[in-house]
Amino acid sequence: MNYTEEMILHSKSGYCMPFEETQGKDVEMSLGYGEQTHPTTGKKFFHHGIDFNVHCRMLSALADGIVSGVASDSIHGISQTIRYGSYEVTYGHLSNVFAQFGQRVKAGQTVALSGDILHLETRFKDEELNPLEFLTMLYGNIRAERQASYNPITDFEDEGMTMTTDFDKNREEIEELMLRYLPLYMDDLRCGIYTLPEHTEQSLRHLFTMGAIKEYFYERIPSLANPLGLGHKALPLAGKVQNLLIGDFLNYLALKHEICLNTADDGLKKNSVAKQ
């Protein structure tokens, strides 16, 4: 189905999926939308929603909405219908209902408790939709909302994500040196006038290889300031890479410009010149 502009779901409180995945407990879809084959009788029938194998899972409101129906029947047991603008979403096979008829709800608000099966149906202006298509659109809204609120400049400062290095006590002096010499350092690297020490290059390759294996990359939405999408779990890797890069910049200054940190102790000055 092609979604038109009038089908865009607007919500001041944001958007939310029906339930959260529980770590180590994946939720499987047990029955899809459309023509299906009954697992016991083998007969063909049309399924008007999708079913998930769940067990007492808390269910959330998907956006700003109002409960437009609470019912019980022999097919779907206890059910709850919530209207989101021109959409209506029905949860079936519920164990309990927390948001009653006429109650207004916001994205993420707990509205019901599932049974062992969750039946999900969606409609737009009373026209039946494949719930998977609706959930795909909803997930796109969630991703767009996260991207719009994402600030790459404070990426490692949010939630206590402060990255420390071995050079923090010399930070002010190093930043001043970078303002003056970093363009020269980058030009000499590009032209081959200066090359990375072999041990530094090997260490960087090892770190990035381990980062890829442990899936540290693309934890967040990539940006110009954070092209690898590094997040909280990549902090140890980012700190080690930062140490190597700063150390190599100081190595370059010592080799090519005979400059060592004024605030560094004698041991750090000696170690700033790596063996080629």
Protein backbone atom coordinates (compact mmCIF):
# COMPACT_ATOMS: atom_id res chain seq x y z
CA MET A 1 0.00 0.00 0.00
CA ASN A 2 1.27 3.46 -0.90
CA TYR A 3 0.92 5.92 1.96
CA THR A 4 -0.33 9.37 0.96
CA GLU A 5 0.21 12.65 2.79
CA GLU A 6 -3.19 12.45 4.47
CA MET A 7 -2.19 9.10 5.97
CA ILE A 8 0.72 10.58 7.93
CA LEU A 9 0.14 9.98 11.63
CA HIS A 10 0.72 13.10 13.75
CA SER A 11 1.36 12.84 17.47
CA LYS A 12 2.66 15.49 19.89
CA SER A 13 3.70 12.85 22.42
CA GLY A 14 5.74 10.96 19.83
CA TYR A 15 5.40 7.36 18.69
CA CYS A 16 5.86 3.91 20.20
CA MET A 17 5.74 0.28 19.06
CA PRO A 18 3.01 -1.94 20.61
CA PHE A 19 5.45 -3.72 22.93
CA GLU A 20 9.15 -3.77 23.72
CA GLU A 21 11.40 -6.69 22.92
CA THR A 22 12.60 -8.35 26.11
CA GLN A 23 16.30 -9.19 26.08
CA GLY A 24 16.77 -12.86 25.33
CA LYS A 25 13.05 -13.35 24.57
CA ASP A 26 12.32 -12.66 20.92
CA VAL A 27 8.68 -12.30 19.91
CA GLU A 28 7.62 -14.28 16.85
CA MET A 29 4.69 -13.56 14.55
CA SER A 30 2.59 -16.71 14.60
CA LEU A 31 0.06 -15.76 11.94
CA GLY A 32 0.25 -13.22 9.13
CA TYR A 33 -2.29 -11.03 7.38
CA GLY A 34 -4.43 -12.24 4.44
CA GLU A 35 -5.16 -15.74 3.18
CA GLN A 36 -3.83 -18.34 5.58
CA THR A 37 -3.96 -22.10 6.05
CA HIS A 38 -5.39 -23.39 9.31
CA PRO A 39 -2.60 -25.32 11.08
CA THR A 40 -5.02 -28.05 12.27
CA THR A 41 -7.75 -28.40 9.62
CA GLY A 42 -5.67 -27.32 6.62
CA LYS A 43 -8.53 -25.13 5.39
CA LYS A 44 -7.90 -21.75 3.76
CA PHE A 45 -9.22 -18.66 5.51
CA PHE A 46 -8.68 -14.87 5.46
CA HIS A 47 -6.94 -13.46 8.52
CA HIS A 48 -7.81 -9.80 9.14
CA GLY A 49 -4.82 -9.04 11.35
CA ILE A 50 -1.53 -10.47 12.58
CA ASP A 51 -0.82 -12.59 15.65
CA PHE A 52 2.23 -12.66 17.90
CA ASN A 53 3.30 -15.37 20.35
CA VAL A 54 3.57 -13.44 23.60
CA HIS A 55 2.92 -14.11 27.25
CA CYS A 56 1.56 -11.41 29.53
CA ARG A 57 3.32 -8.63 27.64
CA MET A 58 2.59 -5.00 28.58
CA LEU A 59 1.09 -3.18 25.60
CA SER A 60 1.62 0.50 24.85
CA ALA A 61 -0.33 3.24 23.13
CA LEU A 62 1.28 3.95 19.76
CA ALA A 63 0.69 7.74 19.68
CA ASP A 64 -1.75 10.40 20.91
CA GLY A 65 -5.15 8.71 20.86
CA ILE A 66 -8.42 7.87 22.54
CA VAL A 67 -9.84 4.48 23.48
CA SER A 68 -12.77 4.00 21.13
CA GLY A 69 -13.82 0.52 22.17
CA VAL A 70 -13.46 -2.26 24.74
CA ALA A 71 -15.23 -5.54 23.98
CA SER A 72 -15.26 -9.30 24.49
CA ASP A 73 -16.25 -12.04 22.05
CA SER A 74 -15.67 -15.73 21.34
CA ILE A 75 -13.11 -15.06 18.55
CA HIS A 76 -10.67 -12.52 20.00
CA GLY A 77 -11.58 -12.66 23.68
CA ILE A 78 -11.11 -9.33 25.45
CA SER A 79 -10.16 -6.61 22.95
CA GLN A 80 -9.35 -2.93 23.02
CA THR A 81 -9.53 -0.44 20.14
CA ILE A 82 -7.70 2.90 20.18
CA ARG A 83 -8.24 5.65 17.61
CA TYR A 84 -5.14 7.56 16.49
CA GLY A 85 -6.37 10.33 14.19
CA SER A 86 -7.91 8.51 11.23
CA TYR A 87 -6.40 5.18 12.30
CA GLU A 88 -7.92 2.58 14.58
CA VAL A 89 -5.78 -0.16 16.13
CA THR A 90 -7.30 -3.15 17.89
CA TYR A 91 -5.51 -5.42 20.38
CA GLY A 92 -7.15 -8.84 20.86
CA HIS A 93 -6.74 -11.83 23.24
CA LEU A 94 -6.00 -9.55 26.21
CA SER A 95 -5.60 -10.57 29.84
CA ASN A 96 -6.45 -7.13 31.18
CA VAL A 97 -7.35 -3.61 30.00
CA PHE A 98 -5.94 -0.56 31.79
CA ALA A 99 -7.23 2.27 29.56
CA GLN A 100 -11.01 2.28 29.39
CA PHE A 101 -13.48 3.54 26.79
CA GLY A 102 -13.22 7.30 26.22
CA GLN A 103 -9.83 7.63 27.94
CA ARG A 104 -7.16 9.70 26.17
CA VAL A 105 -3.71 8.13 25.90
CA LYS A 106 -0.19 9.17 24.91
CA ALA A 107 2.64 7.34 23.13
CA GLY A 108 4.27 4.78 25.40
CA GLN A 109 1.45 4.74 27.96
CA THR A 110 0.60 1.22 29.15
CA VAL A 111 -2.94 0.47 27.99
CA ALA A 112 -3.38 -3.30 28.27
CA LEU A 113 -1.83 -6.66 29.15
CA SER A 114 -1.66 -9.39 26.53
CA GLY A 115 -2.52 -13.04 26.98
CA ASP A 116 -0.46 -15.79 25.37
CA ILE A 117 -1.36 -14.42 21.93
CA LEU A 118 -1.66 -10.84 20.74
CA HIS A 119 -3.99 -10.24 17.80
CA LEU A 120 -3.44 -6.88 16.09
CA GLU A 121 -5.74 -5.23 13.53
CA THR A 122 -5.49 -1.78 11.89
CA ARG A 123 -7.90 0.35 9.89
CA PHE A 124 -7.65 3.75 8.18
CA LYS A 125 -10.95 5.59 7.72
CA ASP A 126 -12.67 2.21 8.22
CA GLU A 127 -10.54 0.60 5.48
CA GLU A 128 -8.67 -2.48 6.63
CA LEU A 129 -4.86 -2.35 6.42
CA ASN A 130 -2.12 -4.94 6.73
CA PRO A 131 -0.85 -4.25 10.27
CA LEU A 132 2.75 -4.95 9.20
CA GLU A 133 2.59 -2.04 6.73
CA PHE A 134 1.22 0.21 9.46
CA LEU A 135 3.91 -0.87 11.95
CA THR A 136 6.58 -0.25 9.30
CA MET A 137 5.29 3.31 8.85
CA LEU A 138 5.17 3.74 12.64
CA TYR A 139 8.77 2.54 13.00
CA GLY A 140 9.79 5.04 10.31
CA ASN A 141 8.18 7.81 12.37
CA ILE A 142 10.10 6.66 15.45
CA ARG A 143 13.41 6.66 13.55
CA ALA A 144 12.73 10.12 12.08
CA GLU A 145 11.83 11.47 15.54
CA ARG A 146 15.07 10.12 17.02
CA GLN A 147 17.11 11.57 14.18
CA ALA A 148 15.47 14.99 14.54
CA SER A 149 16.26 15.10 18.27
CA TYR A 150 19.77 13.65 17.92
CA ASN A 151 22.63 16.05 18.68
CA PRO A 152 25.96 14.59 17.51
CA ILE A 153 27.96 17.35 19.21
CA THR A 154 26.97 16.06 22.66
CA ASP A 155 27.08 12.41 21.64
CA PHE A 156 29.53 11.34 24.35
CA GLU A 157 28.33 13.86 26.93
CA ASP A 158 24.76 12.59 27.24
CA GLU A 159 23.93 10.23 30.10
CA GLY A 160 27.38 10.62 31.67
CA MET A 161 29.14 9.47 28.51
CA THR A 162 32.33 11.44 29.17
CA MET A 163 35.32 10.07 27.31
CA THR A 164 38.63 10.37 29.14
CA THR A 165 42.15 9.95 27.73
CA ASP A 166 45.69 9.66 29.07
CA PHE A 167 46.31 13.26 28.00
CA ASP A 168 43.49 15.04 29.86
CA LYS A 169 45.83 16.95 32.19
CA ASN A 170 47.60 18.36 29.09
CA ARG A 171 44.40 19.00 27.17
CA GLU A 172 44.66 22.79 26.98
CA GLU A 173 48.22 22.74 25.65
CA ILE A 174 47.46 19.95 23.17
CA GLU A 175 44.45 21.83 21.80
CA GLU A 176 46.60 24.92 21.27
CA LEU A 177 49.20 22.82 19.42
CA MET A 178 46.47 21.24 17.28
CA LEU A 179 45.18 24.64 16.23
CA ARG A 180 48.63 25.45 14.91
CA TYR A 181 50.07 22.14 13.70
CA LEU A 182 47.15 19.81 12.90
CA PRO A 183 46.84 21.03 9.27
CA LEU A 184 50.57 20.38 8.77
CA TYR A 185 50.23 16.94 10.37
CA MET A 186 47.35 16.02 8.04
CA ASP A 187 49.17 17.35 4.95
CA ASP A 188 52.37 15.45 5.79
CA LEU A 189 50.36 12.25 6.31
CA ARG A 190 48.57 12.69 2.99
CA CYS A 191 51.78 13.40 1.08
CA GLY A 192 53.76 10.61 2.76
CA ILE A 193 56.25 13.00 4.35
CA TYR A 194 55.23 11.51 7.69
CA THR A 195 53.99 7.93 8.12
CA LEU A 196 52.37 6.26 11.09
CA PRO A 197 54.71 4.09 13.16
CA GLU A 198 54.04 0.44 12.37
CA HIS A 199 52.93 -0.39 15.93
CA THR A 200 50.42 2.51 15.88
CA GLU A 201 48.93 1.39 12.57
CA GLN A 202 48.66 -2.21 13.79
CA SER A 203 47.00 -1.08 17.03
CA LEU A 204 44.42 1.00 15.14
CA ARG A 205 43.61 -1.89 12.81
CA HIS A 206 43.20 -4.23 15.78
CA LEU A 207 40.89 -1.80 17.58
CA PHE A 208 38.64 -1.28 14.57
CA THR A 209 38.54 -5.01 13.87
CA MET A 210 37.48 -5.74 17.45
CA GLY A 211 34.97 -2.89 17.30
CA ALA A 212 33.36 -4.44 14.22
CA ILE A 213 33.29 -7.91 15.78
CA LYS A 214 31.62 -6.59 18.95
CA GLU A 215 29.18 -4.48 16.89
CA TYR A 216 30.29 -1.16 18.38
CA PHE A 217 29.66 0.69 15.12
CA TYR A 218 26.31 2.22 14.06
CA GLU A 219 24.78 1.97 17.51
CA ARG A 220 23.49 5.48 16.80
CA ILE A 221 22.48 7.28 13.64
CA PRO A 222 25.73 8.24 11.79
CA SER A 223 26.47 11.93 11.27
CA LEU A 224 29.33 14.13 10.09
CA ALA A 225 30.49 14.53 13.68
CA ASN A 226 30.03 10.82 14.43
CA PRO A 227 30.32 8.95 11.09
CA LEU A 228 30.61 5.50 12.70
CA GLY A 229 27.51 6.01 14.85
CA LEU A 230 29.41 5.29 18.07
CA GLY A 231 27.34 5.10 21.24
CA HIS A 232 27.73 4.27 24.91
CA LYS A 233 29.14 0.76 24.52
CA ALA A 234 31.89 2.05 22.18
CA LEU A 235 33.36 4.40 24.80
CA PRO A 236 36.30 2.11 25.70
CA LEU A 237 37.20 1.72 22.04
CA ALA A 238 36.81 5.46 21.34
CA GLY A 239 39.05 6.29 24.31
CA LYS A 240 41.80 3.92 23.10
CA VAL A 241 41.64 5.29 19.55
CA GLN A 242 41.80 8.82 20.94
CA ASN A 243 44.91 7.92 22.94
CA LEU A 244 46.62 6.49 19.85
CA LEU A 245 45.78 9.48 17.65
CA ILE A 246 46.84 12.09 20.20
CA GLY A 247 49.98 10.11 20.93
CA ASP A 248 50.85 9.97 17.24
CA PHE A 249 50.24 13.70 16.83
CA LEU A 250 52.70 14.35 19.69
CA ASN A 251 55.13 11.89 18.10
CA TYR A 252 54.90 13.88 14.85
CA LEU A 253 55.58 17.16 16.66
CA ALA A 254 58.66 15.72 18.36
CA LEU A 255 60.07 14.18 15.16
CA LYS A 256 59.31 16.91 12.65
CA HIS A 257 59.23 20.07 14.75
CA GLU A 258 61.18 19.12 17.90
CA ILE A 259 58.26 20.14 20.08
CA CYS A 260 57.34 18.39 23.34
CA LEU A 261 54.64 19.27 25.84
CA ASN A 262 55.73 21.91 28.35
CA THR A 263 53.39 20.50 30.98
CA ALA A 264 54.41 16.87 30.47
CA ASP A 265 56.76 15.07 32.82
CA ASP A 266 60.10 13.74 31.56
CA GLY A 267 58.72 10.22 31.10
CA LEU A 268 55.91 11.42 28.85
CA LYS A 269 58.33 13.58 26.83
CA LYS A 270 60.58 10.57 26.22
CA ASN A 271 57.64 8.36 25.28
CA SER A 272 56.22 10.94 22.88
CA VAL A 273 58.87 9.98 20.31
CA ALA A 274 58.06 6.48 19.08
CA LYS A 275 60.56 4.27 17.31
CA GLN A 276 60.13 4.26 13.54
